[in-house]
N, C-alpha and C. Protein backbone atom coordinates (compact mmCIF):
# COMPACT_ATOMS: atom_id res chain seq x y z
N MET A 1 80.23 91.05 101.26
CA MET A 1 81.13 90.19 100.21
C MET A 1 81.75 91.41 99.38
N GLY A 2 82.87 91.55 99.26
CA GLY A 2 83.37 92.76 98.29
C GLY A 2 83.63 92.22 96.99
N GLY A 3 84.11 93.45 96.29
CA GLY A 3 84.27 93.06 94.77
C GLY A 3 85.75 93.00 94.50
N PRO A 4 86.16 93.12 93.24
CA PRO A 4 87.47 92.87 92.66
C PRO A 4 88.17 94.13 93.23
N CYS A 5 89.66 94.13 93.04
CA CYS A 5 90.29 95.24 93.33
C CYS A 5 90.56 96.19 92.41
N THR A 6 90.37 95.74 91.02
CA THR A 6 90.17 96.55 90.05
C THR A 6 89.15 95.99 88.85
N GLU A 7 88.46 97.06 88.28
CA GLU A 7 87.45 96.60 87.45
C GLU A 7 87.85 95.90 86.14
N TRP A 8 87.17 95.21 85.74
CA TRP A 8 87.57 94.11 84.63
C TRP A 8 87.65 94.60 83.32
N VAL A 9 87.39 95.96 83.33
CA VAL A 9 87.41 96.58 81.89
C VAL A 9 87.82 98.20 82.15
N THR A 10 88.46 98.79 81.69
CA THR A 10 88.61 100.27 82.05
C THR A 10 87.60 101.00 81.22
N LEU A 11 87.67 102.58 81.71
CA LEU A 11 86.48 103.22 81.19
C LEU A 11 86.91 103.59 79.74
N GLY A 12 88.42 103.74 79.37
CA GLY A 12 88.63 104.01 78.14
C GLY A 12 88.31 102.79 77.17
N GLU A 13 88.33 101.58 77.40
CA GLU A 13 87.78 100.27 76.82
C GLU A 13 86.49 100.56 76.40
N ALA A 14 85.57 100.83 77.46
CA ALA A 14 84.27 101.02 77.42
C ALA A 14 83.90 101.94 76.45
N GLN A 15 84.01 103.36 76.62
CA GLN A 15 83.96 104.25 75.80
C GLN A 15 84.66 104.26 74.45
N ALA A 16 85.48 103.34 74.08
CA ALA A 16 86.01 103.14 72.51
C ALA A 16 84.81 102.12 72.07
N ASP A 17 83.72 101.22 72.82
CA ASP A 17 82.62 100.55 72.09
C ASP A 17 81.63 101.77 71.70
N PRO A 18 81.11 101.58 70.09
CA PRO A 18 80.24 102.45 69.71
C PRO A 18 78.88 102.45 70.78
N ASN A 19 78.69 101.20 71.13
CA ASN A 19 77.41 101.20 71.97
C ASN A 19 77.32 102.13 73.40
N SER A 20 78.45 102.54 73.85
CA SER A 20 78.32 103.60 74.77
C SER A 20 78.29 104.91 74.22
N ALA A 21 77.97 105.34 73.10
CA ALA A 21 77.86 106.71 72.71
C ALA A 21 76.85 107.28 73.41
N GLY A 22 76.94 108.62 73.71
CA GLY A 22 76.04 109.55 74.58
C GLY A 22 75.88 108.96 75.78
N LEU A 23 76.69 108.23 76.27
CA LEU A 23 76.94 108.17 77.90
C LEU A 23 77.97 108.89 78.79
N ASP A 24 77.55 109.45 79.76
CA ASP A 24 78.55 110.45 80.42
C ASP A 24 79.43 109.56 81.13
N ALA A 25 80.68 109.82 81.15
CA ALA A 25 81.80 109.05 81.61
C ALA A 25 81.49 108.52 83.28
N ALA A 26 80.71 109.54 84.30
CA ALA A 26 80.58 109.21 85.54
C ALA A 26 79.55 107.76 85.54
N THR A 27 78.50 108.04 84.76
CA THR A 27 77.53 107.09 84.67
C THR A 27 78.17 105.68 84.01
N LEU A 28 78.73 105.66 83.10
CA LEU A 28 79.70 104.51 82.44
C LEU A 28 80.50 103.85 83.29
N GLN A 29 81.31 104.76 84.42
CA GLN A 29 82.13 104.31 85.16
C GLN A 29 81.30 103.34 86.24
N ASP A 30 80.14 103.90 86.73
CA ASP A 30 79.25 103.38 87.64
C ASP A 30 78.93 101.85 86.92
N GLY A 31 78.47 101.86 85.70
CA GLY A 31 78.14 100.43 84.98
C GLY A 31 79.15 99.62 85.04
N ILE A 32 80.52 100.15 84.69
CA ILE A 32 81.38 99.23 84.79
C ILE A 32 81.77 98.67 86.03
N THR A 33 81.65 99.35 87.40
CA THR A 33 81.97 98.77 88.41
C THR A 33 80.94 97.82 88.98
N VAL A 34 79.55 98.11 88.72
CA VAL A 34 78.70 97.23 88.83
C VAL A 34 78.85 95.80 88.23
N ALA A 35 79.15 95.93 86.85
CA ALA A 35 79.46 94.87 86.34
C ALA A 35 80.69 93.90 86.64
N SER A 36 81.41 94.73 87.11
CA SER A 36 82.77 94.03 87.43
C SER A 36 82.30 93.33 88.48
N GLU A 37 81.57 93.88 89.62
CA GLU A 37 81.43 93.03 90.85
C GLU A 37 80.55 91.88 90.55
N ILE A 38 79.46 91.91 89.89
CA ILE A 38 78.58 91.07 89.44
C ILE A 38 79.58 89.54 88.62
N LEU A 39 80.33 90.05 87.87
CA LEU A 39 81.00 88.98 87.06
C LEU A 39 82.21 88.29 88.13
N TYR A 40 82.62 89.13 89.03
CA TYR A 40 83.51 88.72 89.89
C TYR A 40 83.15 87.42 90.92
N ARG A 41 81.80 87.96 91.39
CA ARG A 41 81.13 86.90 92.10
C ARG A 41 80.58 85.59 91.24
N LEU A 42 80.10 85.90 90.28
CA LEU A 42 79.74 84.74 89.30
C LEU A 42 81.04 83.85 89.13
N SER A 43 82.14 84.35 88.81
CA SER A 43 83.45 83.75 88.69
C SER A 43 84.14 82.93 89.76
N GLY A 44 83.23 83.10 90.84
CA GLY A 44 83.70 82.40 92.16
C GLY A 44 84.77 83.23 92.71
N GLN A 45 84.97 84.50 92.67
CA GLN A 45 86.07 85.54 93.05
C GLN A 45 87.41 84.87 92.53
N GLN A 46 87.44 84.35 91.34
CA GLN A 46 88.89 84.03 90.88
C GLN A 46 89.63 85.30 90.30
N PHE A 47 89.03 86.18 89.79
CA PHE A 47 89.46 87.12 89.15
C PHE A 47 89.44 88.63 89.51
N ALA A 48 90.49 88.87 90.69
CA ALA A 48 90.11 90.06 91.57
C ALA A 48 91.01 91.55 90.85
N GLY A 49 91.65 91.12 89.73
CA GLY A 49 92.55 91.99 89.10
C GLY A 49 93.82 92.24 89.99
N VAL A 50 94.43 93.50 89.94
CA VAL A 50 95.83 93.92 90.72
C VAL A 50 95.33 94.44 92.15
N CYS A 51 95.61 93.91 93.25
CA CYS A 51 95.39 94.15 94.56
C CYS A 51 96.79 94.25 95.27
N GLN A 52 96.61 95.00 96.22
CA GLN A 52 97.95 95.42 96.91
C GLN A 52 97.61 95.69 98.35
N ASP A 53 98.40 94.61 99.14
CA ASP A 53 98.14 94.62 100.49
C ASP A 53 99.49 94.86 101.59
N VAL A 54 99.34 95.15 102.70
CA VAL A 54 100.52 95.24 103.66
C VAL A 54 100.05 94.30 105.04
N VAL A 55 100.89 93.36 104.87
CA VAL A 55 100.54 92.25 106.35
C VAL A 55 101.83 92.28 107.09
N ARG A 56 101.31 91.86 108.59
CA ARG A 56 102.19 91.73 109.57
C ARG A 56 102.26 90.28 109.77
N PRO A 57 103.17 89.38 109.01
CA PRO A 57 103.04 88.03 109.12
C PRO A 57 103.40 87.49 110.67
N THR A 58 102.46 86.56 111.20
CA THR A 58 102.39 85.86 112.47
C THR A 58 102.17 84.40 112.14
N ARG A 59 102.46 83.51 112.99
CA ARG A 59 102.05 82.27 113.02
C ARG A 59 100.59 82.42 114.13
N ARG A 60 99.96 81.48 113.52
CA ARG A 60 98.42 81.44 114.09
C ARG A 60 98.26 80.68 115.28
N HIS A 61 98.90 79.53 115.69
CA HIS A 61 98.86 78.72 116.63
C HIS A 61 100.30 77.94 116.67
N TYR A 62 100.44 77.12 117.74
CA TYR A 62 101.65 76.65 118.27
C TYR A 62 101.12 74.88 118.38
N TYR A 63 102.57 74.26 118.34
CA TYR A 63 102.21 72.73 118.63
C TYR A 63 102.96 72.02 119.73
N LEU A 64 102.44 71.65 120.49
CA LEU A 64 103.13 70.73 121.65
C LEU A 64 103.16 69.35 121.35
N GLU A 65 104.12 68.66 121.71
CA GLU A 65 104.22 67.32 121.38
C GLU A 65 103.18 66.50 122.26
N HIS A 66 102.43 65.60 121.61
CA HIS A 66 101.47 64.50 122.34
C HIS A 66 100.17 65.58 122.63
N SER A 67 100.05 66.66 121.95
CA SER A 67 98.85 67.26 122.44
C SER A 67 98.35 68.01 121.10
N PRO A 68 97.06 68.49 120.63
CA PRO A 68 96.38 69.04 119.61
C PRO A 68 97.10 70.31 119.57
N PRO A 69 97.08 71.05 118.07
CA PRO A 69 97.37 72.25 118.20
C PRO A 69 96.49 73.21 119.07
N GLN A 70 97.45 74.33 119.56
CA GLN A 70 96.69 75.62 120.42
C GLN A 70 96.83 76.70 120.11
N TRP A 71 95.95 77.55 120.06
CA TRP A 71 96.25 79.02 119.77
C TRP A 71 97.21 79.60 120.18
N TRP A 72 97.44 80.70 119.63
CA TRP A 72 98.56 81.74 120.19
C TRP A 72 97.99 82.48 121.64
N ARG A 73 98.55 82.41 122.50
CA ARG A 73 98.39 83.19 123.74
C ARG A 73 99.22 84.62 123.76
N TRP A 74 98.50 85.45 124.03
CA TRP A 74 99.11 87.09 124.13
C TRP A 74 99.65 87.14 125.63
N GLU A 75 100.84 87.40 125.62
CA GLU A 75 101.53 87.64 126.84
C GLU A 75 101.70 89.58 126.96
N ALA A 76 100.70 90.01 127.67
CA ALA A 76 100.75 91.38 127.92
C ALA A 76 101.99 92.04 128.61
N SER A 77 102.61 91.25 129.51
CA SER A 77 103.85 91.81 130.01
C SER A 77 105.06 91.61 129.05
N LEU A 78 105.07 91.01 128.22
CA LEU A 78 105.95 90.73 127.34
C LEU A 78 105.88 91.65 125.73
N GLY A 79 104.42 91.75 125.71
CA GLY A 79 104.09 92.59 124.52
C GLY A 79 104.20 91.66 122.95
N ILE A 80 104.13 90.72 123.12
CA ILE A 80 104.30 89.71 122.31
C ILE A 80 103.43 88.27 122.33
N TYR A 81 103.32 87.55 121.11
CA TYR A 81 102.69 86.35 121.10
C TYR A 81 103.87 85.43 121.36
N VAL A 82 103.54 84.25 122.08
CA VAL A 82 104.49 83.09 122.43
C VAL A 82 103.88 81.98 121.95
N CYS A 83 104.73 81.11 121.68
CA CYS A 83 104.56 79.75 121.17
C CYS A 83 105.79 78.91 121.29
N SER A 84 105.75 77.50 120.24
CA SER A 84 106.76 76.90 120.49
C SER A 84 106.96 76.12 118.88
N THR A 85 108.20 75.28 119.00
CA THR A 85 108.43 75.00 117.48
C THR A 85 107.64 73.81 117.02
N PRO A 86 107.20 73.99 115.92
CA PRO A 86 106.00 73.19 115.03
C PRO A 86 106.76 72.46 114.04
N PRO A 87 106.29 71.43 113.53
CA PRO A 87 106.85 70.88 112.24
C PRO A 87 106.81 71.78 110.98
N GLU A 88 107.53 71.23 110.00
CA GLU A 88 107.51 72.17 108.81
C GLU A 88 106.15 72.71 108.33
N ARG A 89 106.12 73.81 108.00
CA ARG A 89 104.53 74.27 107.34
C ARG A 89 103.56 74.13 108.03
N PHE A 90 103.67 73.71 109.55
CA PHE A 90 102.39 73.52 110.57
C PHE A 90 102.58 75.00 111.11
N SER A 91 101.32 75.27 111.22
CA SER A 91 101.27 76.62 111.92
C SER A 91 101.49 76.78 113.50
N GLY A 92 102.46 77.39 113.94
CA GLY A 92 102.79 77.31 115.36
C GLY A 92 103.82 78.77 115.24
N CYS A 93 104.72 78.72 116.17
CA CYS A 93 105.76 79.81 116.21
C CYS A 93 107.23 79.02 116.14
N ALA A 94 107.79 79.33 115.14
CA ALA A 94 109.49 79.10 115.04
C ALA A 94 109.82 79.68 113.61
N PRO A 95 111.05 80.14 113.71
CA PRO A 95 111.51 80.78 112.50
C PRO A 95 111.41 79.84 111.09
N LEU A 96 111.10 80.38 110.22
CA LEU A 96 110.64 79.43 108.77
C LEU A 96 111.48 80.03 107.67
N SER A 97 111.76 79.26 106.74
CA SER A 97 112.38 79.83 105.53
C SER A 97 111.52 80.08 104.65
N GLU A 98 109.87 79.78 104.73
CA GLU A 98 108.92 80.37 103.62
C GLU A 98 107.88 80.06 104.62
N ILE A 99 107.07 81.28 103.93
CA ILE A 99 105.82 81.72 104.76
C ILE A 99 104.68 82.05 103.42
N THR A 100 103.59 81.95 103.78
CA THR A 100 102.35 82.61 102.95
C THR A 100 102.15 83.76 103.58
N LEU A 101 101.44 84.73 102.67
CA LEU A 101 101.07 85.95 102.98
C LEU A 101 99.46 86.08 103.06
N GLY A 102 98.91 84.96 102.85
CA GLY A 102 97.39 85.13 102.94
C GLY A 102 96.49 85.44 101.67
N ALA A 103 97.30 85.29 100.67
CA ALA A 103 96.59 85.93 99.19
C ALA A 103 97.18 85.01 98.42
N TYR A 104 96.58 84.94 97.17
CA TYR A 104 96.92 84.18 96.05
C TYR A 104 96.34 84.49 94.83
N PRO A 105 96.70 84.51 93.46
CA PRO A 105 98.53 84.42 93.58
C PRO A 105 99.17 85.72 93.78
N ILE A 106 100.17 85.42 94.31
CA ILE A 106 101.46 86.75 94.48
C ILE A 106 101.98 87.00 93.12
N ARG A 107 101.61 88.30 92.80
CA ARG A 107 102.22 88.77 91.56
C ARG A 107 104.02 89.49 91.90
N ASP A 108 103.83 90.30 93.01
CA ASP A 108 105.08 90.87 93.08
C ASP A 108 105.22 91.56 94.68
N VAL A 109 106.29 90.99 95.23
CA VAL A 109 106.56 91.53 96.54
C VAL A 109 107.17 93.02 96.56
N LEU A 110 106.92 94.06 97.25
CA LEU A 110 107.42 95.59 96.82
C LEU A 110 108.22 96.07 97.72
N GLU A 111 107.84 95.18 99.18
CA GLU A 111 108.91 95.69 100.11
C GLU A 111 108.70 94.75 101.16
N VAL A 112 109.82 94.57 101.61
CA VAL A 112 109.97 93.54 102.94
C VAL A 112 110.80 94.54 103.98
N ARG A 113 110.04 94.64 105.47
CA ARG A 113 110.93 95.07 106.30
C ARG A 113 110.89 94.22 107.72
N ILE A 114 112.10 94.12 108.21
CA ILE A 114 112.20 93.65 109.53
C ILE A 114 113.26 94.39 110.18
N ASP A 115 112.55 94.49 111.65
CA ASP A 115 113.12 95.25 112.87
C ASP A 115 113.21 96.93 112.12
N GLY A 116 112.31 97.23 111.18
CA GLY A 116 112.12 98.69 110.70
C GLY A 116 113.02 99.10 109.46
N GLN A 117 113.83 97.71 109.13
CA GLN A 117 114.86 98.09 107.97
C GLN A 117 114.38 97.15 106.89
N ILE A 118 114.68 97.78 105.74
CA ILE A 118 114.04 97.13 104.38
C ILE A 118 115.06 95.85 104.19
N VAL A 119 114.43 94.83 103.89
CA VAL A 119 115.36 93.51 103.44
C VAL A 119 115.63 93.66 102.03
N PRO A 120 116.95 93.59 101.48
CA PRO A 120 117.26 93.55 100.08
C PRO A 120 116.45 92.35 99.37
N SER A 121 115.99 92.90 98.07
CA SER A 121 115.27 91.86 97.27
C SER A 121 115.84 90.62 96.96
N ASN A 122 117.07 90.84 97.11
CA ASN A 122 117.92 89.50 96.74
C ASN A 122 118.22 88.72 97.87
N GLN A 123 117.46 88.67 98.96
CA GLN A 123 117.26 88.02 100.02
C GLN A 123 116.05 87.15 100.20
N TYR A 124 115.27 87.18 99.26
CA TYR A 124 114.11 86.68 99.29
C TYR A 124 113.64 86.31 97.80
N ARG A 125 112.61 85.58 97.69
CA ARG A 125 112.03 85.22 96.29
C ARG A 125 110.65 84.69 96.76
N VAL A 126 109.67 84.50 95.70
CA VAL A 126 108.47 83.77 95.57
C VAL A 126 108.33 82.71 94.75
N ASP A 127 107.90 81.46 95.65
CA ASP A 127 107.99 80.13 94.73
C ASP A 127 106.35 79.97 94.53
N ASP A 128 105.96 79.45 93.22
CA ASP A 128 104.75 78.99 93.07
C ASP A 128 103.52 79.74 93.33
N ARG A 129 104.04 81.34 93.25
CA ARG A 129 103.06 82.34 93.15
C ARG A 129 102.33 82.36 94.70
N ARG A 130 103.00 81.69 95.76
CA ARG A 130 102.20 81.64 96.78
C ARG A 130 103.45 81.77 98.02
N TRP A 131 104.66 81.11 97.87
CA TRP A 131 105.43 80.98 99.16
C TRP A 131 106.78 82.25 99.10
N LEU A 132 106.71 82.93 100.23
CA LEU A 132 107.64 83.83 100.33
C LEU A 132 108.81 83.36 101.00
N VAL A 133 110.06 82.97 100.16
CA VAL A 133 111.04 82.15 100.56
C VAL A 133 112.28 83.30 100.89
N ARG A 134 112.82 83.12 102.33
CA ARG A 134 114.06 83.76 102.61
C ARG A 134 115.19 82.81 101.95
N VAL A 135 116.41 83.67 101.36
CA VAL A 135 117.57 83.32 101.04
C VAL A 135 118.76 84.12 101.38
N GLY A 136 119.74 83.59 101.96
CA GLY A 136 120.99 84.00 102.55
C GLY A 136 122.02 83.42 102.54
N THR A 137 123.19 83.86 103.27
CA THR A 137 124.36 83.13 103.29
C THR A 137 124.53 82.29 104.90
N ASP A 138 123.56 82.73 105.91
CA ASP A 138 123.76 81.78 106.96
C ASP A 138 122.43 81.78 107.87
N THR A 139 122.42 81.15 108.82
CA THR A 139 121.18 80.65 109.56
C THR A 139 120.19 81.77 109.66
N ASP A 140 120.56 83.07 109.97
CA ASP A 140 119.63 83.95 110.56
C ASP A 140 119.07 84.50 109.02
N GLU A 141 119.76 84.64 108.06
CA GLU A 141 119.31 85.40 106.86
C GLU A 141 118.44 84.10 106.28
N ASN A 142 118.45 82.93 106.31
CA ASN A 142 117.57 82.01 105.99
C ASN A 142 116.10 81.69 106.52
N GLN A 143 116.02 82.67 107.43
CA GLN A 143 114.72 82.48 108.38
C GLN A 143 113.85 83.71 108.27
N TRP A 144 112.71 83.79 108.45
CA TRP A 144 111.91 84.73 108.78
C TRP A 144 111.62 84.63 110.19
N PRO A 145 111.20 85.99 110.74
CA PRO A 145 110.92 86.10 112.04
C PRO A 145 109.57 85.15 112.56
N CYS A 146 109.82 84.49 113.67
CA CYS A 146 108.80 83.59 114.09
C CYS A 146 107.44 84.50 114.86
N CYS A 147 108.02 85.79 115.64
CA CYS A 147 106.84 86.42 116.43
C CYS A 147 107.10 87.89 116.06
N GLN A 148 106.26 88.56 116.53
CA GLN A 148 106.66 90.06 116.73
C GLN A 148 105.68 90.80 117.48
N SER A 149 106.01 92.03 117.82
CA SER A 149 105.10 92.68 118.52
C SER A 149 104.13 93.50 117.78
N LEU A 150 102.79 93.45 117.74
CA LEU A 150 102.03 94.09 116.60
C LEU A 150 101.72 95.66 117.28
N GLU A 151 101.96 95.85 118.42
CA GLU A 151 102.00 97.14 118.95
C GLU A 151 103.01 98.01 118.52
N LEU A 152 104.36 97.54 117.95
CA LEU A 152 105.22 98.55 117.18
C LEU A 152 105.19 98.84 115.93
N ASP A 153 105.76 99.99 115.71
CA ASP A 153 105.70 100.47 114.39
C ASP A 153 106.63 99.84 113.56
N PRO A 154 105.98 99.13 112.33
CA PRO A 154 106.97 98.20 111.45
C PRO A 154 107.96 99.21 110.62
N LEU A 155 107.60 100.58 110.49
CA LEU A 155 108.56 101.30 109.87
C LEU A 155 109.94 101.75 110.38
N THR A 156 109.67 101.74 111.84
CA THR A 156 110.95 101.96 112.78
C THR A 156 111.50 101.27 113.77
N ASP A 157 110.70 100.23 114.35
CA ASP A 157 110.67 99.56 115.41
C ASP A 157 111.44 98.42 115.31
N VAL A 158 112.27 97.89 116.46
CA VAL A 158 112.75 96.34 116.36
C VAL A 158 111.89 95.52 116.78
N GLY A 159 111.72 94.21 116.41
CA GLY A 159 110.72 93.45 116.80
C GLY A 159 109.69 93.35 115.90
N THR A 160 109.69 93.75 114.74
CA THR A 160 108.40 93.99 113.73
C THR A 160 108.89 93.38 112.57
N PHE A 161 108.02 92.86 111.65
CA PHE A 161 108.07 92.28 110.32
C PHE A 161 106.74 92.62 109.57
N GLU A 162 107.18 93.29 108.33
CA GLU A 162 106.01 93.72 107.46
C GLU A 162 106.47 93.19 106.03
N VAL A 163 105.26 93.12 105.33
CA VAL A 163 105.59 92.61 103.87
C VAL A 163 104.44 93.51 103.12
N THR A 164 104.82 94.25 102.03
CA THR A 164 104.15 94.84 101.16
C THR A 164 103.93 94.29 99.97
N PHE A 165 102.90 93.80 99.18
CA PHE A 165 102.97 92.67 97.90
C PHE A 165 101.75 93.14 97.09
N GLU A 166 101.70 92.76 95.76
CA GLU A 166 100.39 92.62 95.01
C GLU A 166 100.34 91.16 94.62
N TRP A 167 99.04 91.26 94.51
CA TRP A 167 98.47 89.83 94.24
C TRP A 167 97.14 89.81 93.51
N GLY A 168 96.76 88.75 92.62
CA GLY A 168 95.44 88.95 91.89
C GLY A 168 95.60 88.46 90.85
N GLN A 169 94.47 88.05 89.94
CA GLN A 169 94.63 87.45 88.66
C GLN A 169 93.72 88.27 87.51
N ALA A 170 94.11 88.80 86.73
CA ALA A 170 93.30 89.44 85.69
C ALA A 170 92.51 88.49 85.08
N PRO A 171 90.93 89.00 84.39
CA PRO A 171 90.09 88.33 84.18
C PRO A 171 90.42 87.80 82.39
N PRO A 172 89.83 86.81 81.93
CA PRO A 172 90.43 86.33 80.71
C PRO A 172 89.57 87.24 79.86
N HIS A 173 90.16 87.09 78.60
CA HIS A 173 89.46 88.07 77.54
C HIS A 173 87.88 88.05 77.47
N SER A 174 87.44 86.99 77.50
CA SER A 174 85.98 86.72 77.34
C SER A 174 85.37 87.50 78.76
N GLY A 175 85.86 87.60 79.86
CA GLY A 175 85.37 88.17 80.97
C GLY A 175 85.40 89.60 80.72
N VAL A 176 86.49 90.36 80.18
CA VAL A 176 86.61 91.71 79.72
C VAL A 176 85.58 91.98 78.84
N VAL A 177 85.21 91.26 77.79
CA VAL A 177 84.17 91.54 76.74
C VAL A 177 83.00 91.58 77.35
N ALA A 178 82.75 90.49 78.42
CA ALA A 178 81.38 90.56 78.99
C ALA A 178 81.03 92.00 79.98
N ALA A 179 82.20 92.24 80.76
CA ALA A 179 82.18 93.18 81.49
C ALA A 179 81.99 94.60 80.86
N ARG A 180 82.52 94.72 79.46
CA ARG A 180 82.24 95.89 78.88
C ARG A 180 80.75 96.05 78.54
N ARG A 181 80.49 94.95 77.54
CA ARG A 181 79.10 94.92 77.45
C ARG A 181 77.76 95.15 78.39
N LEU A 182 78.05 94.33 79.56
CA LEU A 182 77.25 94.51 80.76
C LEU A 182 77.18 96.06 81.34
N GLY A 183 78.60 96.42 81.44
CA GLY A 183 78.60 97.67 81.96
C GLY A 183 78.05 98.99 81.10
N ILE A 184 78.04 98.83 79.72
CA ILE A 184 77.30 99.62 79.18
C ILE A 184 75.71 99.66 79.10
N GLU A 185 75.30 98.39 79.04
CA GLU A 185 73.90 98.24 79.25
C GLU A 185 73.36 98.78 80.57
N LEU A 186 74.14 98.64 81.61
CA LEU A 186 73.94 98.96 83.06
C LEU A 186 73.81 100.46 83.11
N ALA A 187 74.84 101.07 82.23
CA ALA A 187 74.78 102.59 82.36
C ALA A 187 73.53 103.15 81.64
N LYS A 188 73.47 102.48 80.75
CA LYS A 188 72.16 102.90 80.00
C LYS A 188 70.74 102.75 80.81
N SER A 189 70.89 101.86 81.71
CA SER A 189 69.52 101.71 82.54
C SER A 189 69.86 102.88 83.56
N PHE A 190 71.04 102.99 84.04
CA PHE A 190 70.87 104.06 85.16
C PHE A 190 70.52 105.36 84.54
N SER A 191 71.09 105.85 83.34
CA SER A 191 70.49 107.02 82.64
C SER A 191 69.26 107.20 82.31
N GLY A 192 68.49 105.95 82.19
CA GLY A 192 67.19 106.03 81.83
C GLY A 192 66.88 105.90 80.47
N ASN A 193 68.06 105.50 79.61
CA ASN A 193 68.04 105.03 78.16
C ASN A 193 67.58 103.77 77.86
N PRO A 194 66.96 103.39 76.61
CA PRO A 194 66.72 101.77 76.56
C PRO A 194 67.83 101.23 76.54
N CYS A 195 67.77 100.11 77.17
CA CYS A 195 68.82 99.01 77.11
C CYS A 195 68.52 97.74 76.93
N GLN A 196 69.34 96.75 76.86
CA GLN A 196 69.03 95.35 76.46
C GLN A 196 68.91 94.39 77.61
N LEU A 197 69.04 94.94 78.96
CA LEU A 197 68.84 94.26 80.24
C LEU A 197 67.19 93.52 80.17
N PRO A 198 67.23 92.39 80.74
CA PRO A 198 65.65 92.22 81.01
C PRO A 198 64.89 92.80 82.04
N GLU A 199 63.72 93.06 81.72
CA GLU A 199 62.68 94.35 82.46
C GLU A 199 62.78 93.93 83.82
N ARG A 200 62.86 92.57 84.17
CA ARG A 200 62.88 92.36 85.95
C ARG A 200 64.27 93.01 86.38
N ILE A 201 65.26 92.99 85.51
CA ILE A 201 66.66 93.85 86.22
C ILE A 201 66.56 95.18 86.21
N GLN A 202 65.89 96.05 85.14
CA GLN A 202 65.47 97.06 84.92
C GLN A 202 64.79 97.60 85.98
N ASN A 203 63.83 97.05 86.54
CA ASN A 203 62.90 97.40 87.59
C ASN A 203 63.60 97.34 89.05
N VAL A 204 64.59 96.57 89.09
CA VAL A 204 65.31 96.65 90.43
C VAL A 204 66.28 97.57 90.22
N LEU A 205 66.80 97.99 89.29
CA LEU A 205 67.85 99.27 89.31
C LEU A 205 66.94 100.45 89.27
N ARG A 206 65.85 100.58 88.81
CA ARG A 206 64.95 101.74 88.84
C ARG A 206 64.21 101.88 90.43
N ALA A 207 64.40 100.75 91.05
CA ALA A 207 63.72 100.88 92.40
C ALA A 207 65.16 101.26 93.44
N GLY A 208 66.16 101.35 92.93
CA GLY A 208 67.39 101.66 93.60
C GLY A 208 67.82 100.46 94.76
N ARG A 209 67.33 99.31 94.59
CA ARG A 209 67.75 98.23 95.19
C ARG A 209 69.20 97.59 94.90
N VAL A 210 70.06 97.14 95.77
CA VAL A 210 71.37 96.48 95.63
C VAL A 210 71.18 95.38 94.64
N LEU A 211 71.94 95.45 93.43
CA LEU A 211 71.76 94.39 92.53
C LEU A 211 72.83 93.39 93.21
N TYR A 212 72.40 92.23 93.44
CA TYR A 212 73.46 91.07 94.14
C TYR A 212 73.26 89.92 93.27
N ALA A 213 74.31 89.49 92.64
CA ALA A 213 74.34 88.30 92.00
C ALA A 213 75.12 87.21 92.61
N PRO A 214 74.30 86.28 93.31
CA PRO A 214 74.87 84.96 94.04
C PRO A 214 75.68 84.19 93.17
N ARG A 215 76.74 83.37 93.50
CA ARG A 215 77.45 82.54 92.99
C ARG A 215 76.70 81.23 92.83
N PRO A 216 77.08 80.51 91.76
CA PRO A 216 76.06 79.15 91.47
C PRO A 216 76.93 78.34 92.40
N ALA A 217 76.10 77.16 93.11
CA ALA A 217 76.57 76.34 93.90
C ALA A 217 77.70 75.74 93.77
N HIS A 218 78.11 75.40 92.57
CA HIS A 218 79.03 74.52 92.09
C HIS A 218 80.53 75.51 92.20
N LEU A 219 80.33 76.72 92.20
CA LEU A 219 81.23 77.65 92.49
C LEU A 219 81.70 77.86 93.78
N SER A 220 80.65 77.76 94.92
CA SER A 220 81.10 78.10 96.15
C SER A 220 82.05 77.67 96.49
N ARG A 221 82.55 78.26 97.67
CA ARG A 221 83.95 77.61 98.50
C ARG A 221 83.59 76.83 99.73
């Protein structure tokens, strides 16, 4: 289980807190990182901060009439995945005017490449912070590719499709405050200074064990 993409509080914000006086920057940064991971998990992994990903969109399985969905099959001789036309928003293989990128919420789309060429930003938009929608003046420009060869280079080769984008949600102000306070107390414990953490937690830290904060059951997915 990973942590957030960015810490919930910056080093500068923590250093501005009078309670961090005397702590060196490296130790304070460690405290902030651990605090952010703990609070991220306790939030149900809702607030990842600003994340950046590069994806190669493909449909996961295809649909045949009068039969259940079937997984894509790899055709080595063709070097591609093959599939057939599905209903709208049903996972399969057919050109679509809108796709998801596997993350939510989408903050910004930095670059889209098809066949190694950059797609102008006026030829797509993001709807509901989830859907990457293709717009254009003819049928081809209104559709995203249905299949691609994952063995080819998306920066140069025909038959490829790649999207670079930012996603994630910043924590609320209360989460920032909590991360700052917890991070400072953790840093104090790391450096052997008196802190306000419970004695049991301090003992775990001194023993060098991994501090793991499981999510409450009602927040589990």
